[in-house]
Amino acid sequence: MSGESYLTIEVERKDRVARVRLARPEVRNAFNADMIGELRRAIGGLATDDSVRVIVLTGGGTAFCAGADLSWMREIVRFSHEQNLRESLDLAGCLHDLYSVPKPTIARVNGPAIGGGTGFVSACDIAVASTDARFGLSEVKIGVVPAVISPYVVRRIGESRARQYFLTGERFDARRAAEIGLVNLAVEPADLDRRVGEIVSALLSSGPEALAKAKELLSRVPGMSFDEARRFTAEMIARLRVSDEAQEGMTAFLEKRKPKWSE
């Protein structure tokens, strides 16, 4: 899995962590069809790469992601409905790939994350933002809406805040993003890598199968009735308790040592 070639992103694997960097700094890492396709290919490869335990998404240069590329937008304005639908479905697939990959994901928000950039942040499990970052859901200002990113943004910030920012299109800073739950932490730029590193270390100390199942719980349980959830969750924990990973984890705990996966 080390021979990938990308034009719009960079992927680095080191110490069980994959760092995916949006690499179009000349346009503040705005995405186009090429970037969407490359992100999907990268995430798909990382999902099955046993050497990778955590995925960190960030931006090259001073921005995280400025949303959709203006040149691309000029093209899609002339597209037919069918062409626009295909492009939109690709973006929806990319966000879902990021949201559902069975490994923890961290958004390292090093700068502005606007429109679809806010969507990428929302699709990650954990987000840490520099206080240099700015956020906005300003699609209404150009006569469209944050449609494809809305399932992830609404889950992150709730309907009340989504109504405010979807309708006003106003921008806000990283501290406000932390207040409303869009990001988990807002930190000074000099502390960004340290805080991301602390979260990475915490994730690497946990069982990889347990992390994948925790993500499955978070994705599926909210849509279940209590009767459905009772059976689903009981079966999940029963299977996990007899798994090799859980046996190792519980034995390590009782023996007061680190489990093998954290070594």
C-alpha atoms as a PDB file:
ATOM      1  CA  MET A   1       0.000   0.000   0.000  1.00  0.00           C
ATOM      2  CA  SER A   2       2.975   2.364  -0.276  1.00  0.00           C
ATOM      3  CA  GLY A   3       2.954   2.971  -4.024  1.00  0.00           C
ATOM      4  CA  GLU A   4      -0.063   5.242  -4.431  1.00  0.00           C
ATOM      5  CA  SER A   5       0.278   8.278  -6.647  1.00  0.00           C
ATOM      6  CA  TYR A   6      -1.942  11.304  -6.094  1.00  0.00           C
ATOM      7  CA  LEU A   7      -2.118  14.777  -7.599  1.00  0.00           C
ATOM      8  CA  THR A   8      -4.408  16.606  -5.173  1.00  0.00           C
ATOM      9  CA  ILE A   9      -3.684  14.915  -1.837  1.00  0.00           C
ATOM     10  CA  GLU A  10      -0.712  13.436   0.002  1.00  0.00           C
ATOM     11  CA  VAL A  11      -0.785  10.292   2.134  1.00  0.00           C
ATOM     12  CA  GLU A  12       1.925   9.524   4.663  1.00  0.00           C
ATOM     13  CA  ARG A  13       2.032   6.393   6.823  1.00  0.00           C
ATOM     14  CA  LYS A  14       4.171   6.399   9.937  1.00  0.00           C
ATOM     15  CA  ASP A  15       3.968   4.703  13.321  1.00  0.00           C
ATOM     16  CA  ARG A  16       0.525   3.163  12.622  1.00  0.00           C
ATOM     17  CA  VAL A  17      -0.935   6.558  11.659  1.00  0.00           C
ATOM     18  CA  ALA A  18      -1.925   7.692   8.175  1.00  0.00           C
ATOM     19  CA  ARG A  19      -1.870  11.431   7.559  1.00  0.00           C
ATOM     20  CA  VAL A  20      -3.991  12.489   4.617  1.00  0.00           C
ATOM     21  CA  ARG A  21      -3.158  16.019   3.531  1.00  0.00           C
ATOM     22  CA  LEU A  22      -5.269  18.039   1.110  1.00  0.00           C
ATOM     23  CA  ALA A  23      -2.585  19.339  -1.240  1.00  0.00           C
ATOM     24  CA  ARG A  24      -3.922  22.207  -3.330  1.00  0.00           C
ATOM     25  CA  PRO A  25      -2.582  25.113  -1.250  1.00  0.00           C
ATOM     26  CA  GLU A  26      -2.690  27.465  -4.237  1.00  0.00           C
ATOM     27  CA  VAL A  27      -6.510  27.387  -3.997  1.00  0.00           C
ATOM     28  CA  ARG A  28      -6.643  26.932  -0.203  1.00  0.00           C
ATOM     29  CA  ASN A  29      -7.226  23.198  -0.711  1.00  0.00           C
ATOM     30  CA  ALA A  30     -10.570  23.708  -2.419  1.00  0.00           C
ATOM     31  CA  PHE A  31     -11.871  20.390  -3.696  1.00  0.00           C
ATOM     32  CA  ASN A  32     -12.841  19.358  -7.195  1.00  0.00           C
ATOM     33  CA  ALA A  33     -13.814  16.078  -8.833  1.00  0.00           C
ATOM     34  CA  ASP A  34     -10.192  14.916  -8.897  1.00  0.00           C
ATOM     35  CA  MET A  35      -9.703  15.470  -5.164  1.00  0.00           C
ATOM     36  CA  ILE A  36     -12.977  13.757  -4.327  1.00  0.00           C
ATOM     37  CA  GLY A  37     -11.945  10.728  -6.353  1.00  0.00           C
ATOM     38  CA  GLU A  38      -8.478  10.602  -4.822  1.00  0.00           C
ATOM     39  CA  LEU A  39      -9.836  10.926  -1.286  1.00  0.00           C
ATOM     40  CA  ARG A  40     -12.195   8.033  -1.932  1.00  0.00           C
ATOM     41  CA  ARG A  41      -9.342   5.915  -3.263  1.00  0.00           C
ATOM     42  CA  ALA A  42      -7.091   6.785  -0.325  1.00  0.00           C
ATOM     43  CA  ILE A  43      -9.717   6.153   2.348  1.00  0.00           C
ATOM     44  CA  GLY A  44     -10.675   2.859   0.727  1.00  0.00           C
ATOM     45  CA  GLY A  45      -7.058   1.723   0.795  1.00  0.00           C
ATOM     46  CA  LEU A  46      -6.504   2.815   4.378  1.00  0.00           C
ATOM     47  CA  ALA A  47      -9.651   1.025   5.519  1.00  0.00           C
ATOM     48  CA  THR A  48      -8.057  -2.336   4.693  1.00  0.00           C
ATOM     49  CA  ASP A  49      -4.438  -1.511   5.558  1.00  0.00           C
ATOM     50  CA  ASP A  50      -3.628  -3.380   8.770  1.00  0.00           C
ATOM     51  CA  SER A  51      -0.536  -1.229   9.337  1.00  0.00           C
ATOM     52  CA  VAL A  52      -2.760   1.830   9.847  1.00  0.00           C
ATOM     53  CA  ARG A  53      -4.720   2.286  13.074  1.00  0.00           C
ATOM     54  CA  VAL A  54      -5.623   6.008  12.957  1.00  0.00           C
ATOM     55  CA  ILE A  55      -6.297   8.442  10.109  1.00  0.00           C
ATOM     56  CA  VAL A  56      -5.564  12.176  10.424  1.00  0.00           C
ATOM     57  CA  LEU A  57      -7.040  14.536   7.815  1.00  0.00           C
ATOM     58  CA  THR A  58      -5.510  17.985   7.414  1.00  0.00           C
ATOM     59  CA  GLY A  59      -4.733  20.697   4.899  1.00  0.00           C
ATOM     60  CA  GLY A  60      -1.460  21.724   3.311  1.00  0.00           C
ATOM     61  CA  GLY A  61      -0.388  25.332   3.706  1.00  0.00           C
ATOM     62  CA  THR A  62      -2.455  27.730   5.790  1.00  0.00           C
ATOM     63  CA  ALA A  63      -5.961  26.420   5.020  1.00  0.00           C
ATOM     64  CA  PHE A  64      -7.821  23.218   5.832  1.00  0.00           C
ATOM     65  CA  CYS A  65     -10.301  23.359   2.932  1.00  0.00           C
ATOM     66  CA  ALA A  66     -11.995  26.382   1.350  1.00  0.00           C
ATOM     67  CA  GLY A  67     -14.900  24.333   0.003  1.00  0.00           C
ATOM     68  CA  ALA A  68     -15.616  23.679  -3.658  1.00  0.00           C
ATOM     69  CA  ASP A  69     -13.107  24.946  -6.203  1.00  0.00           C
ATOM     70  CA  LEU A  70     -14.376  28.011  -8.110  1.00  0.00           C
ATOM     71  CA  SER A  71     -13.103  26.750 -11.462  1.00  0.00           C
ATOM     72  CA  TRP A  72     -14.928  23.464 -10.912  1.00  0.00           C
ATOM     73  CA  MET A  73     -18.066  25.364  -9.904  1.00  0.00           C
ATOM     74  CA  ARG A  74     -17.934  27.333 -13.160  1.00  0.00           C
ATOM     75  CA  GLU A  75     -17.937  24.016 -15.013  1.00  0.00           C
ATOM     76  CA  ILE A  76     -20.747  22.350 -13.086  1.00  0.00           C
ATOM     77  CA  VAL A  77     -23.025  25.359 -13.542  1.00  0.00           C
ATOM     78  CA  ARG A  78     -23.171  24.297 -17.200  1.00  0.00           C
ATOM     79  CA  PHE A  79     -23.703  20.609 -16.410  1.00  0.00           C
ATOM     80  CA  SER A  80     -27.011  18.850 -16.952  1.00  0.00           C
ATOM     81  CA  HIS A  81     -29.073  17.657 -14.019  1.00  0.00           C
ATOM     82  CA  GLU A  82     -27.750  14.121 -14.536  1.00  0.00           C
ATOM     83  CA  GLN A  83     -24.126  15.303 -14.559  1.00  0.00           C
ATOM     84  CA  ASN A  84     -24.678  17.406 -11.444  1.00  0.00           C
ATOM     85  CA  LEU A  85     -26.285  14.431  -9.735  1.00  0.00           C
ATOM     86  CA  ARG A  86     -23.271  12.226 -10.484  1.00  0.00           C
ATOM     87  CA  GLU A  87     -20.864  14.839  -9.097  1.00  0.00           C
ATOM     88  CA  SER A  88     -23.013  15.308  -5.988  1.00  0.00           C
ATOM     89  CA  LEU A  89     -23.266  11.567  -5.407  1.00  0.00           C
ATOM     90  CA  ASP A  90     -19.480  11.291  -5.619  1.00  0.00           C
ATOM     91  CA  LEU A  91     -19.099  13.944  -2.905  1.00  0.00           C
ATOM     92  CA  ALA A  92     -21.774  12.209  -0.809  1.00  0.00           C
ATOM     93  CA  GLY A  93     -19.870   8.942  -1.209  1.00  0.00           C
ATOM     94  CA  CYS A  94     -16.606  10.574  -0.175  1.00  0.00           C
ATOM     95  CA  LEU A  95     -18.123  11.987   3.006  1.00  0.00           C
ATOM     96  CA  HIS A  96     -19.716   8.654   3.846  1.00  0.00           C
ATOM     97  CA  ASP A  97     -16.427   6.846   3.225  1.00  0.00           C
ATOM     98  CA  LEU A  98     -14.742   9.184   5.698  1.00  0.00           C
ATOM     99  CA  TYR A  99     -17.560   8.896   8.230  1.00  0.00           C
ATOM    100  CA  SER A 100     -17.843   5.106   8.086  1.00  0.00           C
ATOM    101  CA  VAL A 101     -14.215   3.984   7.683  1.00  0.00           C
ATOM    102  CA  PRO A 102     -13.703   1.396  10.478  1.00  0.00           C
ATOM    103  CA  LYS A 103     -10.788   3.299  11.987  1.00  0.00           C
ATOM    104  CA  PRO A 104     -10.826   6.465  14.073  1.00  0.00           C
ATOM    105  CA  THR A 105     -10.416   9.685  12.119  1.00  0.00           C
ATOM    106  CA  ILE A 106      -9.144  13.030  13.373  1.00  0.00           C
ATOM    107  CA  ALA A 107      -9.606  16.335  11.573  1.00  0.00           C
ATOM    108  CA  ARG A 108      -6.519  18.477  12.199  1.00  0.00           C
ATOM    109  CA  VAL A 109      -8.054  21.807  11.257  1.00  0.00           C
ATOM    110  CA  ASN A 110      -5.050  24.031  10.637  1.00  0.00           C
ATOM    111  CA  GLY A 111      -6.924  26.898   8.972  1.00  0.00           C
ATOM    112  CA  PRO A 112     -10.203  27.935   7.338  1.00  0.00           C
ATOM    113  CA  ALA A 113     -12.769  25.167   6.702  1.00  0.00           C
ATOM    114  CA  ILE A 114     -15.582  26.619   4.632  1.00  0.00           C
ATOM    115  CA  GLY A 115     -18.643  24.949   3.084  1.00  0.00           C
ATOM    116  CA  GLY A 116     -17.620  21.451   2.081  1.00  0.00           C
ATOM    117  CA  GLY A 117     -14.519  21.881   4.231  1.00  0.00           C
ATOM    118  CA  THR A 118     -16.819  22.108   7.247  1.00  0.00           C
ATOM    119  CA  GLY A 119     -18.430  18.939   5.916  1.00  0.00           C
ATOM    120  CA  PHE A 120     -15.098  17.094   5.948  1.00  0.00           C
ATOM    121  CA  VAL A 121     -14.561  18.200   9.556  1.00  0.00           C
ATOM    122  CA  SER A 122     -18.050  17.001  10.504  1.00  0.00           C
ATOM    123  CA  ALA A 123     -17.515  13.580   8.935  1.00  0.00           C
ATOM    124  CA  CYS A 124     -14.454  12.888  11.103  1.00  0.00           C
ATOM    125  CA  ASP A 125     -14.775  11.284  14.524  1.00  0.00           C
ATOM    126  CA  ILE A 126     -12.776  13.902  16.403  1.00  0.00           C
ATOM    127  CA  ALA A 127     -11.810  17.420  15.347  1.00  0.00           C
ATOM    128  CA  VAL A 128      -9.086  19.663  16.758  1.00  0.00           C
ATOM    129  CA  ALA A 129      -8.920  23.195  15.381  1.00  0.00           C
ATOM    130  CA  SER A 130      -6.287  25.866  15.510  1.00  0.00           C
ATOM    131  CA  THR A 131      -7.565  29.231  16.655  1.00  0.00           C
ATOM    132  CA  ASP A 132      -6.462  30.403  13.194  1.00  0.00           C
ATOM    133  CA  ALA A 133      -9.323  28.358  11.721  1.00  0.00           C
ATOM    134  CA  ARG A 134     -12.577  29.891  10.531  1.00  0.00           C
ATOM    135  CA  PHE A 135     -15.761  28.065   9.614  1.00  0.00           C
ATOM    136  CA  GLY A 136     -18.787  28.848   7.513  1.00  0.00           C
ATOM    137  CA  LEU A 137     -21.829  27.299   5.887  1.00  0.00           C
ATOM    138  CA  SER A 138     -22.270  30.137   3.459  1.00  0.00           C
ATOM    139  CA  GLU A 139     -23.839  28.295   0.520  1.00  0.00           C
ATOM    140  CA  VAL A 140     -27.049  30.354   0.737  1.00  0.00           C
ATOM    141  CA  LYS A 141     -25.002  33.427  -0.178  1.00  0.00           C
ATOM    142  CA  ILE A 142     -24.607  32.041  -3.699  1.00  0.00           C
ATOM    143  CA  GLY A 143     -28.098  30.598  -3.986  1.00  0.00           C
ATOM    144  CA  VAL A 144     -27.449  26.965  -3.008  1.00  0.00           C
ATOM    145  CA  VAL A 145     -27.560  24.991   0.241  1.00  0.00           C
ATOM    146  CA  PRO A 146     -25.168  22.733   2.236  1.00  0.00           C
ATOM    147  CA  ALA A 147     -27.169  19.729   1.097  1.00  0.00           C
ATOM    148  CA  VAL A 148     -24.681  16.876   0.779  1.00  0.00           C
ATOM    149  CA  ILE A 149     -22.790  17.777   3.956  1.00  0.00           C
ATOM    150  CA  SER A 150     -25.956  18.350   6.002  1.00  0.00           C
ATOM    151  CA  PRO A 151     -26.308  14.807   7.484  1.00  0.00           C
ATOM    152  CA  TYR A 152     -22.867  15.129   9.077  1.00  0.00           C
ATOM    153  CA  VAL A 153     -23.082  18.774  10.119  1.00  0.00           C
ATOM    154  CA  VAL A 154     -26.511  18.332  11.738  1.00  0.00           C
ATOM    155  CA  ARG A 155     -25.252  15.290  13.652  1.00  0.00           C
ATOM    156  CA  ARG A 156     -22.311  17.329  14.924  1.00  0.00           C
ATOM    157  CA  ILE A 157     -24.021  20.565  15.942  1.00  0.00           C
ATOM    158  CA  GLY A 158     -27.732  19.712  16.199  1.00  0.00           C
ATOM    159  CA  GLU A 159     -30.726  21.152  14.401  1.00  0.00           C
ATOM    160  CA  SER A 160     -30.883  24.430  16.322  1.00  0.00           C
ATOM    161  CA  ARG A 161     -27.338  25.521  15.452  1.00  0.00           C
ATOM    162  CA  ALA A 162     -27.644  24.111  11.942  1.00  0.00           C
ATOM    163  CA  ARG A 163     -30.719  26.269  11.357  1.00  0.00           C
ATOM    164  CA  GLN A 164     -28.785  29.328  12.475  1.00  0.00           C
ATOM    165  CA  TYR A 165     -25.726  28.773  10.332  1.00  0.00           C
ATOM    166  CA  PHE A 166     -27.433  27.195   7.304  1.00  0.00           C
ATOM    167  CA  LEU A 167     -29.816  30.147   7.043  1.00  0.00           C
ATOM    168  CA  THR A 168     -27.578  33.078   7.933  1.00  0.00           C
ATOM    169  CA  GLY A 169     -24.442  31.802   6.232  1.00  0.00           C
ATOM    170  CA  GLU A 170     -22.419  33.649   8.858  1.00  0.00           C
ATOM    171  CA  ARG A 171     -18.841  32.684   9.584  1.00  0.00           C
ATOM    172  CA  PHE A 172     -17.481  31.863  13.016  1.00  0.00           C
ATOM    173  CA  ASP A 173     -14.183  31.169  14.705  1.00  0.00           C
ATOM    174  CA  ALA A 174     -12.696  28.026  16.216  1.00  0.00           C
ATOM    175  CA  ARG A 175     -13.756  28.835  19.765  1.00  0.00           C
ATOM    176  CA  ARG A 176     -17.359  29.176  18.635  1.00  0.00           C
ATOM    177  CA  ALA A 177     -16.965  25.924  16.692  1.00  0.00           C
ATOM    178  CA  ALA A 178     -15.934  24.234  19.949  1.00  0.00           C
ATOM    179  CA  GLU A 179     -18.874  25.774  21.819  1.00  0.00           C
ATOM    180  CA  ILE A 180     -21.400  24.324  19.377  1.00  0.00           C
ATOM    181  CA  GLY A 181     -19.690  20.931  19.060  1.00  0.00           C
ATOM    182  CA  LEU A 182     -18.416  21.233  15.508  1.00  0.00           C
ATOM    183  CA  VAL A 183     -14.893  20.651  16.817  1.00  0.00           C
ATOM    184  CA  ASN A 184     -13.871  18.984  20.056  1.00  0.00           C
ATOM    185  CA  LEU A 185     -11.019  21.337  20.881  1.00  0.00           C
ATOM    186  CA  ALA A 186      -9.865  24.800  19.828  1.00  0.00           C
ATOM    187  CA  VAL A 187      -6.175  25.305  20.586  1.00  0.00           C
ATOM    188  CA  GLU A 188      -3.447  27.800  19.870  1.00  0.00           C
ATOM    189  CA  PRO A 189      -1.587  27.064  16.617  1.00  0.00           C
ATOM    190  CA  ALA A 190       1.584  26.091  18.480  1.00  0.00           C
ATOM    191  CA  ASP A 191      -0.369  23.458  20.435  1.00  0.00           C
ATOM    192  CA  LEU A 192      -2.205  21.894  17.491  1.00  0.00           C
ATOM    193  CA  ASP A 193       0.175  19.028  16.781  1.00  0.00           C
ATOM    194  CA  ARG A 194       0.699  18.253  20.454  1.00  0.00           C
ATOM    195  CA  ARG A 195      -3.020  17.954  21.140  1.00  0.00           C
ATOM    196  CA  VAL A 196      -3.611  15.884  18.013  1.00  0.00           C
ATOM    197  CA  GLY A 197      -0.709  13.659  19.069  1.00  0.00           C
ATOM    198  CA  GLU A 198      -2.243  13.126  22.501  1.00  0.00           C
ATOM    199  CA  ILE A 199      -5.498  11.975  20.920  1.00  0.00           C
ATOM    200  CA  VAL A 200      -3.621   9.695  18.521  1.00  0.00           C
ATOM    201  CA  SER A 201      -1.800   8.114  21.474  1.00  0.00           C
ATOM    202  CA  ALA A 202      -5.073   7.558  23.314  1.00  0.00           C
ATOM    203  CA  LEU A 203      -6.565   5.857  20.256  1.00  0.00           C
ATOM    204  CA  LEU A 204      -3.530   3.650  19.702  1.00  0.00           C
ATOM    205  CA  SER A 205      -3.824   2.395  23.286  1.00  0.00           C
ATOM    206  CA  SER A 206      -7.299   1.007  22.528  1.00  0.00           C
ATOM    207  CA  GLY A 207      -8.210  -2.233  20.781  1.00  0.00           C
ATOM    208  CA  PRO A 208      -8.551  -1.734  17.016  1.00  0.00           C
ATOM    209  CA  GLU A 209     -11.549  -4.071  16.727  1.00  0.00           C
ATOM    210  CA  ALA A 210     -13.185  -2.366  19.697  1.00  0.00           C
ATOM    211  CA  LEU A 211     -12.728   1.027  18.031  1.00  0.00           C
ATOM    212  CA  ALA A 212     -14.321  -0.246  14.828  1.00  0.00           C
ATOM    213  CA  LYS A 213     -17.270  -1.680  16.757  1.00  0.00           C
ATOM    214  CA  ALA A 214     -17.631   1.539  18.767  1.00  0.00           C
ATOM    215  CA  LYS A 215     -17.989   3.417  15.472  1.00  0.00           C
ATOM    216  CA  GLU A 216     -20.580   0.900  14.325  1.00  0.00           C
ATOM    217  CA  LEU A 217     -22.543   1.453  17.544  1.00  0.00           C
ATOM    218  CA  LEU A 218     -22.481   5.208  17.067  1.00  0.00           C
ATOM    219  CA  SER A 219     -23.644   4.899  13.494  1.00  0.00           C
ATOM    220  CA  ARG A 220     -26.425   2.343  13.942  1.00  0.00           C
ATOM    221  CA  VAL A 221     -27.876   2.621  17.433  1.00  0.00           C
ATOM    222  CA  PRO A 222     -29.358   6.147  17.112  1.00  0.00           C
ATOM    223  CA  GLY A 223     -31.645   4.910  14.320  1.00  0.00           C
ATOM    224  CA  MET A 224     -32.867   1.836  16.225  1.00  0.00           C
ATOM    225  CA  SER A 225     -35.844   1.332  18.456  1.00  0.00           C
ATOM    226  CA  PHE A 226     -35.093   0.263  22.019  1.00  0.00           C
ATOM    227  CA  ASP A 227     -36.143  -3.307  21.162  1.00  0.00           C
ATOM    228  CA  GLU A 228     -33.805  -3.397  18.148  1.00  0.00           C
ATOM    229  CA  ALA A 229     -30.955  -1.836  20.108  1.00  0.00           C
ATOM    230  CA  ARG A 230     -31.364  -4.260  23.011  1.00  0.00           C
ATOM    231  CA  ARG A 231     -30.756  -7.297  20.810  1.00  0.00           C
ATOM    232  CA  PHE A 232     -28.107  -5.674  18.624  1.00  0.00           C
ATOM    233  CA  THR A 233     -26.000  -4.371  21.503  1.00  0.00           C
ATOM    234  CA  ALA A 234     -26.295  -7.585  23.541  1.00  0.00           C
ATOM    235  CA  GLU A 235     -25.133  -9.655  20.581  1.00  0.00           C
ATOM    236  CA  MET A 236     -22.256  -7.300  19.892  1.00  0.00           C
ATOM    237  CA  ILE A 237     -20.853  -7.378  23.414  1.00  0.00           C
ATOM    238  CA  ALA A 238     -21.351 -11.152  23.652  1.00  0.00           C
ATOM    239  CA  ARG A 239     -19.295 -11.667  20.481  1.00  0.00           C
ATOM    240  CA  LEU A 240     -16.599  -9.223  21.556  1.00  0.00           C
ATOM    241  CA  ARG A 241     -16.141 -10.737  25.000  1.00  0.00           C
ATOM    242  CA  VAL A 242     -14.998 -14.034  23.498  1.00  0.00           C
ATOM    243  CA  SER A 243     -12.849 -12.444  20.797  1.00  0.00           C
ATOM    244  CA  ASP A 244      -9.060 -12.732  20.860  1.00  0.00           C
ATOM    245  CA  GLU A 245      -8.732  -8.970  21.276  1.00  0.00           C
ATOM    246  CA  ALA A 246     -11.022  -8.778  24.293  1.00  0.00           C
ATOM    247  CA  GLN A 247      -9.399 -11.824  25.878  1.00  0.00           C
ATOM    248  CA  GLU A 248      -5.997 -10.156  25.509  1.00  0.00           C
ATOM    249  CA  GLY A 249      -7.318  -6.839  26.798  1.00  0.00           C
ATOM    250  CA  MET A 250      -8.937  -8.286  29.906  1.00  0.00           C
ATOM    251  CA  THR A 251      -5.937 -10.516  30.636  1.00  0.00           C
ATOM    252  CA  ALA A 252      -3.575  -7.564  30.288  1.00  0.00           C
ATOM    253  CA  PHE A 253      -5.738  -5.521  32.652  1.00  0.00           C
ATOM    254  CA  LEU A 254      -5.761  -8.261  35.271  1.00  0.00           C
ATOM    255  CA  GLU A 255      -2.016  -8.793  34.881  1.00  0.00           C
ATOM    256  CA  LYS A 256      -1.410  -5.031  35.084  1.00  0.00           C
ATOM    257  CA  ARG A 257       0.419  -4.814  31.773  1.00  0.00           C
ATOM    258  CA  LYS A 258      -0.188  -3.144  28.449  1.00  0.00           C
ATOM    259  CA  PRO A 259      -2.132  -5.157  25.844  1.00  0.00           C
ATOM    260  CA  LYS A 260      -0.143  -6.310  22.840  1.00  0.00           C
ATOM    261  CA  TRP A 261      -1.823  -3.894  20.424  1.00  0.00           C
ATOM    262  CA  SER A 262      -0.473  -0.872  22.311  1.00  0.00           C
ATOM    263  CA  GLU A 263       3.166  -1.980  22.237  1.00  0.00           C
END
